[in-house]
Each structure stands twice: as C-alpha cells, then as structure tokens.
C-alpha cells in the first residue's frame, strides 16, 4: 500500500493517539480487515484480505509502536 497526502484531524493529539491504540476503533478504519489482536500495549497482529480482481489472499501483519509521546 502506498499512502500519500495530508489532512487535518479536528481532535487533540492525545485523542488521536488513544483512537489509534484502541483495536475496536482502529479496526473500523482498515479495509479488508479480517482480525485484529492486541498482543500488548505496543504490539498488534492484524490479518487483512487484499487483492486485485479475482486474485486475493490474507496477509498477517505484526507491528509494534516503537515511539510514542
């Protein structure tokens, strides 16, 4: 995926951070999301279904928040 551009969010940085760290809320914003697990306060595992035309597959992605303010 390639994300480009900018936009402004009408919320405080603290509210945005809390939203992004809440799996129930974040899951509403991820197209093709099959599963989102919170492993710890900084680690998540997601399964997303992506594809082009009739070629589709599930991908498991593990990520960790390495810096927060």
Foldseek 3Di string as FASTA:
>chain_A
DDDDDDDDDPDDPVVVVVQCQDCVNVVVVDPQWDDWDDPDSFKIKTWGWDDDDPDIDIDIDIGGDPDDD
